[in-house]
Amino acid sequence: MSDCITVLTTTDSAEKAQDLAATAVGAKVAACAQIDGPITSVYRWEGAVQTDQEWRVLYKTTAGRFAALEAQIRGVHDYDTPEIIATPITDGGDDYLSWIRDETAE
């Protein structure tokens, strides 16, 4: 099993997604971040079903850098409860996983 993970968040504009991605990569808490969208999110918030357009940011980092990435996302994000979900990368190309480790090394 790899020590690398992907981390997902969403936001309500392409500009905010770009800012979230760029600041994380700039801070070396993520090796890269991919933005896709708009997507349609349907969710329950404050007792009502909401439907909104969002942009998804998918980061690549290591498990050891998760806390720093989470703190960075929370510091930039303007949602009260931002989605921050980590998923393990169980396997991958050795060269790519090594690149993630190198780019996020402290």
PDB file of N, CA and C in Angstrom:
ATOM      1  N   MET A   1       0.835  -1.177   0.000  1.00  0.00           N
ATOM      2  CA  MET A   1       0.000   0.000   0.000  1.00  0.00           C
ATOM      3  C   MET A   1       0.880   1.241   0.000  1.00  0.00           C
ATOM      4  N   SER A   2       0.425   2.253  -0.706  1.00  0.00           N
ATOM      5  CA  SER A   2       1.133   3.519  -0.826  1.00  0.00           C
ATOM      6  C   SER A   2       0.842   4.415   0.375  1.00  0.00           C
ATOM      7  N   ASP A   3       1.736   5.331   0.678  1.00  0.00           N
ATOM      8  CA  ASP A   3       1.491   6.352   1.691  1.00  0.00           C
ATOM      9  C   ASP A   3       0.877   7.605   1.077  1.00  0.00           C
ATOM     10  N   CYS A   4       0.532   7.544  -0.199  1.00  0.00           N
ATOM     11  CA  CYS A   4      -0.054   8.693  -0.894  1.00  0.00           C
ATOM     12  C   CYS A   4      -1.575   8.646  -0.814  1.00  0.00           C
ATOM     13  N   ILE A   5      -2.166   9.834  -0.836  1.00  0.00           N
ATOM     14  CA  ILE A   5      -3.619   9.957  -0.758  1.00  0.00           C
ATOM     15  C   ILE A   5      -4.098  11.010  -1.752  1.00  0.00           C
ATOM     16  N   THR A   6      -5.390  10.959  -2.042  1.00  0.00           N
ATOM     17  CA  THR A   6      -6.039  12.082  -2.712  1.00  0.00           C
ATOM     18  C   THR A   6      -6.947  12.738  -1.682  1.00  0.00           C
ATOM     19  N   VAL A   7      -7.119  14.029  -1.811  1.00  0.00           N
ATOM     20  CA  VAL A   7      -7.978  14.794  -0.909  1.00  0.00           C
ATOM     21  C   VAL A   7      -8.904  15.621  -1.776  1.00  0.00           C
ATOM     22  N   LEU A   8     -10.177  15.603  -1.423  1.00  0.00           N
ATOM     23  CA  LEU A   8     -11.215  16.247  -2.215  1.00  0.00           C
ATOM     24  C   LEU A   8     -11.850  17.381  -1.441  1.00  0.00           C
ATOM     25  N   THR A   9     -12.090  18.495  -2.128  1.00  0.00           N
ATOM     26  CA  THR A   9     -12.918  19.570  -1.595  1.00  0.00           C
ATOM     27  C   THR A   9     -13.727  20.154  -2.739  1.00  0.00           C
ATOM     28  N   THR A  10     -14.729  20.939  -2.403  1.00  0.00           N
ATOM     29  CA  THR A  10     -15.540  21.632  -3.406  1.00  0.00           C
ATOM     30  C   THR A  10     -15.693  23.082  -2.985  1.00  0.00           C
ATOM     31  N   THR A  11     -15.995  23.928  -3.965  1.00  0.00           N
ATOM     32  CA  THR A  11     -16.244  25.339  -3.699  1.00  0.00           C
ATOM     33  C   THR A  11     -17.210  25.873  -4.749  1.00  0.00           C
ATOM     34  N   ASP A  12     -17.658  27.102  -4.574  1.00  0.00           N
ATOM     35  CA  ASP A  12     -18.750  27.598  -5.409  1.00  0.00           C
ATOM     36  C   ASP A  12     -18.339  28.458  -6.606  1.00  0.00           C
ATOM     37  N   SER A  13     -17.053  28.515  -6.930  1.00  0.00           N
ATOM     38  CA  SER A  13     -16.653  29.240  -8.144  1.00  0.00           C
ATOM     39  C   SER A  13     -15.325  28.709  -8.671  1.00  0.00           C
ATOM     40  N   ALA A  14     -15.121  28.895  -9.960  1.00  0.00           N
ATOM     41  CA  ALA A  14     -13.860  28.475 -10.584  1.00  0.00           C
ATOM     42  C   ALA A  14     -12.684  29.252  -9.999  1.00  0.00           C
ATOM     43  N   GLU A  15     -12.889  30.520  -9.709  1.00  0.00           N
ATOM     44  CA  GLU A  15     -11.821  31.352  -9.158  1.00  0.00           C
ATOM     45  C   GLU A  15     -11.404  30.870  -7.770  1.00  0.00           C
ATOM     46  N   LYS A  16     -12.384  30.526  -6.940  1.00  0.00           N
ATOM     47  CA  LYS A  16     -12.057  30.018  -5.601  1.00  0.00           C
ATOM     48  C   LYS A  16     -11.355  28.663  -5.696  1.00  0.00           C
ATOM     49  N   ALA A  17     -11.777  27.825  -6.620  1.00  0.00           N
ATOM     50  CA  ALA A  17     -11.121  26.533  -6.822  1.00  0.00           C
ATOM     51  C   ALA A  17      -9.663  26.735  -7.225  1.00  0.00           C
ATOM     52  N   GLN A  18      -9.427  27.668  -8.123  1.00  0.00           N
ATOM     53  CA  GLN A  18      -8.060  27.974  -8.558  1.00  0.00           C
ATOM     54  C   GLN A  18      -7.213  28.454  -7.383  1.00  0.00           C
ATOM     55  N   ASP A  19      -7.782  29.292  -6.533  1.00  0.00           N
ATOM     56  CA  ASP A  19      -7.065  29.792  -5.361  1.00  0.00           C
ATOM     57  C   ASP A  19      -6.754  28.659  -4.385  1.00  0.00           C
ATOM     58  N   LEU A  20      -7.740  27.799  -4.125  1.00  0.00           N
ATOM     59  CA  LEU A  20      -7.507  26.652  -3.244  1.00  0.00           C
ATOM     60  C   LEU A  20      -6.400  25.758  -3.794  1.00  0.00           C
ATOM     61  N   ALA A  21      -6.427  25.494  -5.086  1.00  0.00           N
ATOM     62  CA  ALA A  21      -5.422  24.635  -5.715  1.00  0.00           C
ATOM     63  C   ALA A  21      -4.036  25.274  -5.671  1.00  0.00           C
ATOM     64  N   ALA A  22      -3.949  26.515  -6.093  1.00  0.00           N
ATOM     65  CA  ALA A  22      -2.650  27.185  -6.204  1.00  0.00           C
ATOM     66  C   ALA A  22      -1.983  27.392  -4.848  1.00  0.00           C
ATOM     67  N   THR A  23      -2.761  27.746  -3.836  1.00  0.00           N
ATOM     68  CA  THR A  23      -2.141  27.978  -2.529  1.00  0.00           C
ATOM     69  C   THR A  23      -1.636  26.677  -1.905  1.00  0.00           C
ATOM     70  N   ALA A  24      -2.338  25.576  -2.128  1.00  0.00           N
ATOM     71  CA  ALA A  24      -1.890  24.286  -1.588  1.00  0.00           C
ATOM     72  C   ALA A  24      -0.612  23.808  -2.271  1.00  0.00           C
ATOM     73  N   VAL A  25      -0.574  23.911  -3.587  1.00  0.00           N
ATOM     74  CA  VAL A  25       0.627  23.493  -4.317  1.00  0.00           C
ATOM     75  C   VAL A  25       1.782  24.437  -3.980  1.00  0.00           C
ATOM     76  N   GLY A  26       1.500  25.718  -3.890  1.00  0.00           N
ATOM     77  CA  GLY A  26       2.532  26.688  -3.528  1.00  0.00           C
ATOM     78  C   GLY A  26       3.116  26.445  -2.149  1.00  0.00           C
ATOM     79  N   ALA A  27       2.290  25.966  -1.225  1.00  0.00           N
ATOM     80  CA  ALA A  27       2.737  25.683   0.140  1.00  0.00           C
ATOM     81  C   ALA A  27       3.369  24.296   0.280  1.00  0.00           C
ATOM     82  N   LYS A  28       3.407  23.536  -0.810  1.00  0.00           N
ATOM     83  CA  LYS A  28       3.982  22.191  -0.836  1.00  0.00           C
ATOM     84  C   LYS A  28       3.247  21.204   0.063  1.00  0.00           C
ATOM     85  N   VAL A  29       1.947  21.460   0.290  1.00  0.00           N
ATOM     86  CA  VAL A  29       1.141  20.482   1.024  1.00  0.00           C
ATOM     87  C   VAL A  29       0.401  19.563   0.062  1.00  0.00           C
ATOM     88  N   ALA A  30       0.487  19.873  -1.228  1.00  0.00           N
ATOM     89  CA  ALA A  30      -0.024  19.011  -2.298  1.00  0.00           C
ATOM     90  C   ALA A  30       0.943  19.094  -3.466  1.00  0.00           C
ATOM     91  N   ALA A  31       1.156  17.957  -4.120  1.00  0.00           N
ATOM     92  CA  ALA A  31       2.032  17.938  -5.295  1.00  0.00           C
ATOM     93  C   ALA A  31       1.327  18.538  -6.496  1.00  0.00           C
ATOM     94  N   CYS A  32       0.031  18.304  -6.590  1.00  0.00           N
ATOM     95  CA  CYS A  32      -0.765  18.891  -7.656  1.00  0.00           C
ATOM     96  C   CYS A  32      -2.212  18.925  -7.215  1.00  0.00           C
ATOM     97  N   ALA A  33      -2.998  19.682  -7.936  1.00  0.00           N
ATOM     98  CA  ALA A  33      -4.430  19.765  -7.670  1.00  0.00           C
ATOM     99  C   ALA A  33      -5.132  19.877  -9.014  1.00  0.00           C
ATOM    100  N   GLN A  34      -6.156  19.094  -9.180  1.00  0.00           N
ATOM    101  CA  GLN A  34      -6.944  19.132 -10.414  1.00  0.00           C
ATOM    102  C   GLN A  34      -8.308  19.720 -10.099  1.00  0.00           C
ATOM    103  N   ILE A  35      -8.787  20.563 -10.998  1.00  0.00           N
ATOM    104  CA  ILE A  35     -10.079  21.234 -10.838  1.00  0.00           C
ATOM    105  C   ILE A  35     -11.001  20.743 -11.933  1.00  0.00           C
ATOM    106  N   ASP A  36     -12.201  20.329 -11.532  1.00  0.00           N
ATOM    107  CA  ASP A  36     -13.195  20.027 -12.547  1.00  0.00           C
ATOM    108  C   ASP A  36     -14.530  20.633 -12.131  1.00  0.00           C
ATOM    109  N   GLY A  37     -15.316  20.914 -13.125  1.00  0.00           N
ATOM    110  CA  GLY A  37     -16.619  21.502 -12.869  1.00  0.00           C
ATOM    111  C   GLY A  37     -17.006  22.409 -14.023  1.00  0.00           C
ATOM    112  N   PRO A  38     -18.144  22.966 -13.946  1.00  0.00           N
ATOM    113  CA  PRO A  38     -19.010  22.879 -12.781  1.00  0.00           C
ATOM    114  C   PRO A  38     -19.671  21.507 -12.658  1.00  0.00           C
ATOM    115  N   ILE A  39     -19.931  21.161 -11.409  1.00  0.00           N
ATOM    116  CA  ILE A  39     -20.689  19.960 -11.070  1.00  0.00           C
ATOM    117  C   ILE A  39     -21.953  20.416 -10.354  1.00  0.00           C
ATOM    118  N   THR A  40     -22.936  19.565 -10.300  1.00  0.00           N
ATOM    119  CA  THR A  40     -24.149  19.877  -9.553  1.00  0.00           C
ATOM    120  C   THR A  40     -24.133  19.086  -8.258  1.00  0.00           C
ATOM    121  N   SER A  41     -24.213  19.784  -7.139  1.00  0.00           N
ATOM    122  CA  SER A  41     -24.247  19.147  -5.825  1.00  0.00           C
ATOM    123  C   SER A  41     -25.647  19.270  -5.248  1.00  0.00           C
ATOM    124  N   VAL A  42     -26.175  18.161  -4.799  1.00  0.00           N
ATOM    125  CA  VAL A  42     -27.470  18.120  -4.122  1.00  0.00           C
ATOM    126  C   VAL A  42     -27.187  17.631  -2.710  1.00  0.00           C
ATOM    127  N   TYR A  43     -27.593  18.397  -1.703  1.00  0.00           N
ATOM    128  CA  TYR A  43     -27.237  18.082  -0.326  1.00  0.00           C
ATOM    129  C   TYR A  43     -28.261  18.685   0.636  1.00  0.00           C
ATOM    130  N   ARG A  44     -28.270  18.176   1.851  1.00  0.00           N
ATOM    131  CA  ARG A  44     -29.136  18.731   2.886  1.00  0.00           C
ATOM    132  C   ARG A  44     -28.304  19.699   3.719  1.00  0.00           C
ATOM    133  N   TRP A  45     -28.814  20.906   3.894  1.00  0.00           N
ATOM    134  CA  TRP A  45     -28.126  21.912   4.692  1.00  0.00           C
ATOM    135  C   TRP A  45     -29.163  22.698   5.467  1.00  0.00           C
ATOM    136  N   GLU A  46     -28.986  22.774   6.768  1.00  0.00           N
ATOM    137  CA  GLU A  46     -29.887  23.497   7.658  1.00  0.00           C
ATOM    138  C   GLU A  46     -31.337  23.079   7.452  1.00  0.00           C
ATOM    139  N   GLY A  47     -31.539  21.756   7.304  1.00  0.00           N
ATOM    140  CA  GLY A  47     -32.871  21.193   7.235  1.00  0.00           C
ATOM    141  C   GLY A  47     -33.555  21.227   5.886  1.00  0.00           C
ATOM    142  N   ALA A  48     -32.877  21.726   4.861  1.00  0.00           N
ATOM    143  CA  ALA A  48     -33.498  21.813   3.532  1.00  0.00           C
ATOM    144  C   ALA A  48     -32.575  21.191   2.490  1.00  0.00           C
ATOM    145  N   VAL A  49     -33.188  20.617   1.471  1.00  0.00           N
ATOM    146  CA  VAL A  49     -32.415  20.078   0.352  1.00  0.00           C
ATOM    147  C   VAL A  49     -32.013  21.241  -0.546  1.00  0.00           C
ATOM    148  N   GLN A  50     -30.719  21.322  -0.813  1.00  0.00           N
ATOM    149  CA  GLN A  50     -30.146  22.395  -1.632  1.00  0.00           C
ATOM    150  C   GLN A  50     -29.580  21.809  -2.919  1.00  0.00           C
ATOM    151  N   THR A  51     -29.585  22.572  -3.977  1.00  0.00           N
ATOM    152  CA  THR A  51     -28.928  22.206  -5.226  1.00  0.00           C
ATOM    153  C   THR A  51     -28.098  23.402  -5.668  1.00  0.00           C
ATOM    154  N   ASP A  52     -26.794  23.179  -5.834  1.00  0.00           N
ATOM    155  CA  ASP A  52     -25.894  24.267  -6.211  1.00  0.00           C
ATOM    156  C   ASP A  52     -24.857  23.783  -7.211  1.00  0.00           C
ATOM    157  N   GLN A  53     -24.320  24.734  -7.939  1.00  0.00           N
ATOM    158  CA  GLN A  53     -23.212  24.479  -8.851  1.00  0.00           C
ATOM    159  C   GLN A  53     -21.919  24.650  -8.057  1.00  0.00           C
ATOM    160  N   GLU A  54     -21.005  23.681  -8.193  1.00  0.00           N
ATOM    161  CA  GLU A  54     -19.731  23.757  -7.494  1.00  0.00           C
ATOM    162  C   GLU A  54     -18.594  23.320  -8.414  1.00  0.00           C
ATOM    163  N   TRP A  55     -17.379  23.579  -7.967  1.00  0.00           N
ATOM    164  CA  TRP A  55     -16.161  23.114  -8.628  1.00  0.00           C
ATOM    165  C   TRP A  55     -15.439  22.224  -7.639  1.00  0.00           C
ATOM    166  N   ARG A  56     -14.917  21.106  -8.149  1.00  0.00           N
ATOM    167  CA  ARG A  56     -14.248  20.108  -7.318  1.00  0.00           C
ATOM    168  C   ARG A  56     -12.737  20.267  -7.475  1.00  0.00           C
ATOM    169  N   VAL A  57     -12.029  20.218  -6.357  1.00  0.00           N
ATOM    170  CA  VAL A  57     -10.569  20.262  -6.357  1.00  0.00           C
ATOM    171  C   VAL A  57     -10.089  18.934  -5.777  1.00  0.00           C
ATOM    172  N   LEU A  58      -9.251  18.236  -6.540  1.00  0.00           N
ATOM    173  CA  LEU A  58      -8.689  16.959  -6.115  1.00  0.00           C
ATOM    174  C   LEU A  58      -7.178  17.124  -5.979  1.00  0.00           C
ATOM    175  N   TYR A  59      -6.703  16.982  -4.758  1.00  0.00           N
ATOM    176  CA  TYR A  59      -5.283  17.133  -4.447  1.00  0.00           C
ATOM    177  C   TYR A  59      -4.609  15.773  -4.375  1.00  0.00           C
ATOM    178  N   LYS A  60      -3.308  15.735  -4.701  1.00  0.00           N
ATOM    179  CA  LYS A  60      -2.474  14.552  -4.480  1.00  0.00           C
ATOM    180  C   LYS A  60      -1.415  14.940  -3.462  1.00  0.00           C
ATOM    181  N   THR A  61      -1.313  14.147  -2.384  1.00  0.00           N
ATOM    182  CA  THR A  61      -0.363  14.425  -1.320  1.00  0.00           C
ATOM    183  C   THR A  61      -0.027  13.122  -0.614  1.00  0.00           C
ATOM    184  N   THR A  62       0.668  13.217   0.511  1.00  0.00           N
ATOM    185  CA  THR A  62       0.962  12.033   1.315  1.00  0.00           C
ATOM    186  C   THR A  62       0.110  12.068   2.581  1.00  0.00           C
ATOM    187  N   ALA A  63      -0.074  10.905   3.163  1.00  0.00           N
ATOM    188  CA  ALA A  63      -0.844  10.827   4.405  1.00  0.00           C
ATOM    189  C   ALA A  63      -0.210  11.688   5.493  1.00  0.00           C
ATOM    190  N   GLY A  64       1.110  11.745   5.501  1.00  0.00           N
ATOM    191  CA  GLY A  64       1.815  12.553   6.491  1.00  0.00           C
ATOM    192  C   GLY A  64       1.587  14.050   6.339  1.00  0.00           C
ATOM    193  N   ARG A  65       1.172  14.487   5.162  1.00  0.00           N
ATOM    194  CA  ARG A  65       0.937  15.921   4.918  1.00  0.00           C
ATOM    195  C   ARG A  65      -0.548  16.278   4.997  1.00  0.00           C
ATOM    196  N   PHE A  66      -1.402  15.286   5.320  1.00  0.00           N
ATOM    197  CA  PHE A  66      -2.839  15.559   5.346  1.00  0.00           C
ATOM    198  C   PHE A  66      -3.202  16.685   6.309  1.00  0.00           C
ATOM    199  N   ALA A  67      -2.703  16.649   7.530  1.00  0.00           N
ATOM    200  CA  ALA A  67      -3.067  17.667   8.519  1.00  0.00           C
ATOM    201  C   ALA A  67      -2.703  19.068   8.025  1.00  0.00           C
ATOM    202  N   ALA A  68      -1.537  19.197   7.404  1.00  0.00           N
ATOM    203  CA  ALA A  68      -1.118  20.509   6.885  1.00  0.00           C
ATOM    204  C   ALA A  68      -2.004  20.933   5.724  1.00  0.00           C
ATOM    205  N   LEU A  69      -2.361  19.987   4.841  1.00  0.00           N
ATOM    206  CA  LEU A  69      -3.251  20.320   3.732  1.00  0.00           C
ATOM    207  C   LEU A  69      -4.630  20.697   4.256  1.00  0.00           C
ATOM    208  N   GLU A  70      -5.141  19.932   5.208  1.00  0.00           N
ATOM    209  CA  GLU A  70      -6.453  20.268   5.782  1.00  0.00           C
ATOM    210  C   GLU A  70      -6.440  21.677   6.372  1.00  0.00           C
ATOM    211  N   ALA A  71      -5.403  22.006   7.118  1.00  0.00           N
ATOM    212  CA  ALA A  71      -5.302  23.345   7.716  1.00  0.00           C
ATOM    213  C   ALA A  71      -5.236  24.420   6.634  1.00  0.00           C
ATOM    214  N   GLN A  72      -4.505  24.140   5.562  1.00  0.00           N
ATOM    215  CA  GLN A  72      -4.390  25.108   4.465  1.00  0.00           C
ATOM    216  C   GLN A  72      -5.744  25.314   3.794  1.00  0.00           C
ATOM    217  N   ILE A  73      -6.463  24.219   3.527  1.00  0.00           N
ATOM    218  CA  ILE A  73      -7.791  24.322   2.906  1.00  0.00           C
ATOM    219  C   ILE A  73      -8.707  25.149   3.804  1.00  0.00           C
ATOM    220  N   ARG A  74      -8.751  24.829   5.085  1.00  0.00           N
ATOM    221  CA  ARG A  74      -9.618  25.555   6.026  1.00  0.00           C
ATOM    222  C   ARG A  74      -9.241  27.031   6.106  1.00  0.00           C
ATOM    223  N   GLY A  75      -7.961  27.342   5.983  1.00  0.00           N
ATOM    224  CA  GLY A  75      -7.510  28.728   6.044  1.00  0.00           C
ATOM    225  C   GLY A  75      -7.919  29.560   4.845  1.00  0.00           C
ATOM    226  N   VAL A  76      -8.123  28.917   3.705  1.00  0.00           N
ATOM    227  CA  VAL A  76      -8.473  29.619   2.466  1.00  0.00           C
ATOM    228  C   VAL A  76      -9.965  29.523   2.176  1.00  0.00           C
ATOM    229  N   HIS A  77     -10.579  28.421   2.567  1.00  0.00           N
ATOM    230  CA  HIS A  77     -11.971  28.126   2.201  1.00  0.00           C
ATOM    231  C   HIS A  77     -12.942  29.071   2.912  1.00  0.00           C
ATOM    232  N   ASP A  78     -14.042  29.426   2.234  1.00  0.00           N
ATOM    233  CA  ASP A  78     -15.028  30.302   2.862  1.00  0.00           C
ATOM    234  C   ASP A  78     -16.315  29.585   3.272  1.00  0.00           C
ATOM    235  N   TYR A  79     -16.391  28.254   3.101  1.00  0.00           N
ATOM    236  CA  TYR A  79     -17.558  27.502   3.566  1.00  0.00           C
ATOM    237  C   TYR A  79     -17.485  27.323   5.085  1.00  0.00           C
ATOM    238  N   ASP A  80     -18.643  27.308   5.752  1.00  0.00           N
ATOM    239  CA  ASP A  80     -18.688  27.016   7.186  1.00  0.00           C
ATOM    240  C   ASP A  80     -18.204  25.601   7.474  1.00  0.00           C
ATOM    241  N   THR A  81     -18.592  24.652   6.619  1.00  0.00           N
ATOM    242  CA  THR A  81     -18.229  23.250   6.772  1.00  0.00           C
ATOM    243  C   THR A  81     -17.716  22.738   5.434  1.00  0.00           C
ATOM    244  N   PRO A  82     -16.448  23.017   5.109  1.00  0.00           N
ATOM    245  CA  PRO A  82     -15.946  22.575   3.807  1.00  0.00           C
ATOM    246  C   PRO A  82     -15.811  21.052   3.744  1.00  0.00           C
ATOM    247  N   GLU A  83     -16.096  20.518   2.577  1.00  0.00           N
ATOM    248  CA  GLU A  83     -15.873  19.096   2.343  1.00  0.00           C
ATOM    249  C   GLU A  83     -14.367  18.867   2.245  1.00  0.00           C
ATOM    250  N   ILE A  84     -13.855  18.023   3.111  1.00  0.00           N
ATOM    251  CA  ILE A  84     -12.438  17.635   3.070  1.00  0.00           C
ATOM    252  C   ILE A  84     -12.408  16.140   3.323  1.00  0.00           C
ATOM    253  N   ILE A  85     -12.208  15.372   2.251  1.00  0.00           N
ATOM    254  CA  ILE A  85     -12.259  13.916   2.321  1.00  0.00           C
ATOM    255  C   ILE A  85     -10.969  13.353   1.739  1.00  0.00           C
ATOM    256  N   ALA A  86     -10.333  12.469   2.489  1.00  0.00           N
ATOM    257  CA  ALA A  86      -9.101  11.822   2.026  1.00  0.00           C
ATOM    258  C   ALA A  86      -9.384  10.376   1.641  1.00  0.00           C
ATOM    259  N   THR A  87      -8.775   9.947   0.546  1.00  0.00           N
ATOM    260  CA  THR A  87      -8.899   8.579   0.061  1.00  0.00           C
ATOM    261  C   THR A  87      -7.502   8.026  -0.189  1.00  0.00           C
ATOM    262  N   PRO A  88      -7.197   6.840   0.324  1.00  0.00           N
ATOM    263  CA  PRO A  88      -5.866   6.281   0.085  1.00  0.00           C
ATOM    264  C   PRO A  88      -5.664   5.901  -1.379  1.00  0.00           C
ATOM    265  N   ILE A  89      -4.457   6.098  -1.852  1.00  0.00           N
ATOM    266  CA  ILE A  89      -4.040   5.576  -3.156  1.00  0.00           C
ATOM    267  C   ILE A  89      -3.411   4.227  -2.853  1.00  0.00           C
ATOM    268  N   THR A  90      -4.089   3.172  -3.213  1.00  0.00           N
ATOM    269  CA  THR A  90      -3.606   1.838  -2.844  1.00  0.00           C
ATOM    270  C   THR A  90      -2.439   1.370  -3.690  1.00  0.00           C
ATOM    271  N   ASP A  91      -2.348   1.874  -4.909  1.00  0.00           N
ATOM    272  CA  ASP A  91      -1.262   1.483  -5.797  1.00  0.00           C
ATOM    273  C   ASP A  91      -1.146   2.529  -6.885  1.00  0.00           C
ATOM    274  N   GLY A  92      -0.014   2.560  -7.553  1.00  0.00           N
ATOM    275  CA  GLY A  92       0.197   3.513  -8.633  1.00  0.00           C
ATOM    276  C   GLY A  92       1.598   3.364  -9.183  1.00  0.00           C
ATOM    277  N   GLY A  93       1.880   4.125 -10.204  1.00  0.00           N
ATOM    278  CA  GLY A  93       3.213   4.101 -10.796  1.00  0.00           C
ATOM    279  C   GLY A  93       4.245   4.595  -9.797  1.00  0.00           C
ATOM    280  N   ASP A  94       5.312   3.829  -9.619  1.00  0.00           N
ATOM    281  CA  ASP A  94       6.349   4.193  -8.655  1.00  0.00           C
ATOM    282  C   ASP A  94       6.904   5.590  -8.915  1.00  0.00           C
ATOM    283  N   ASP A  95       7.104   5.925 -10.190  1.00  0.00           N
ATOM    284  CA  ASP A  95       7.663   7.232 -10.506  1.00  0.00           C
ATOM    285  C   ASP A  95       6.709   8.355 -10.123  1.00  0.00           C
ATOM    286  N   TYR A  96       5.404   8.169 -10.345  1.00  0.00           N
ATOM    287  CA  TYR A  96       4.427   9.201 -10.003  1.00  0.00           C
ATOM    288  C   TYR A  96       4.300   9.344  -8.487  1.00  0.00           C
ATOM    289  N   LEU A  97       4.230   8.225  -7.777  1.00  0.00           N
ATOM    290  CA  LEU A  97       4.105   8.280  -6.327  1.00  0.00           C
ATOM    291  C   LEU A  97       5.357   8.885  -5.697  1.00  0.00           C
ATOM    292  N   SER A  98       6.515   8.595  -6.259  1.00  0.00           N
ATOM    293  CA  SER A  98       7.760   9.209  -5.778  1.00  0.00           C
ATOM    294  C   SER A  98       7.733  10.716  -5.998  1.00  0.00           C
ATOM    295  N   TRP A  99       7.186  11.143  -7.133  1.00  0.00           N
ATOM    296  CA  TRP A  99       7.065  12.580  -7.421  1.00  0.00           C
ATOM    297  C   TRP A  99       6.181  13.257  -6.382  1.00  0.00           C
ATOM    298  N   ILE A 100       5.052  12.624  -6.030  1.00  0.00           N
ATOM    299  CA  ILE A 100       4.174  13.194  -4.997  1.00  0.00           C
ATOM    300  C   ILE A 100       4.954  13.359  -3.694  1.00  0.00           C
ATOM    301  N   ARG A 101       5.688  12.322  -3.296  1.00  0.00           N
ATOM    302  CA  ARG A 101       6.469  12.387  -2.060  1.00  0.00           C
ATOM    303  C   ARG A 101       7.517  13.505  -2.109  1.00  0.00           C
ATOM    304  N   ASP A 102       8.211  13.582  -3.232  1.00  0.00           N
ATOM    305  CA  ASP A 102       9.262  14.615  -3.380  1.00  0.00           C
ATOM    306  C   ASP A 102       8.679  16.020  -3.324  1.00  0.00           C
ATOM    307  N   GLU A 103       7.558  16.236  -3.994  1.00  0.00           N
ATOM    308  CA  GLU A 103       6.965  17.579  -4.081  1.00  0.00           C
ATOM    309  C   GLU A 103       6.322  18.042  -2.776  1.00  0.00           C
ATOM    310  N   THR A 104       6.021  17.111  -1.887  1.00  0.00           N
ATOM    311  CA  THR A 104       5.377  17.488  -0.621  1.00  0.00           C
ATOM    312  C   THR A 104       6.294  17.305   0.585  1.00  0.00           C
ATOM    313  N   ALA A 105       7.547  16.977   0.335  1.00  0.00           N
ATOM    314  CA  ALA A 105       8.504  16.776   1.442  1.00  0.00           C
ATOM    315  C   ALA A 105       8.703  18.099   2.181  1.00  0.00           C
ATOM    316  N   GLU A 106       8.802  17.977   3.495  1.00  0.00           N
ATOM    317  CA  GLU A 106       9.020  19.175   4.321  1.00  0.00           C
ATOM    318  C   GLU A 106      10.464  19.588   4.313  1.00  0.00           C
TER     319      GLU A 106
END
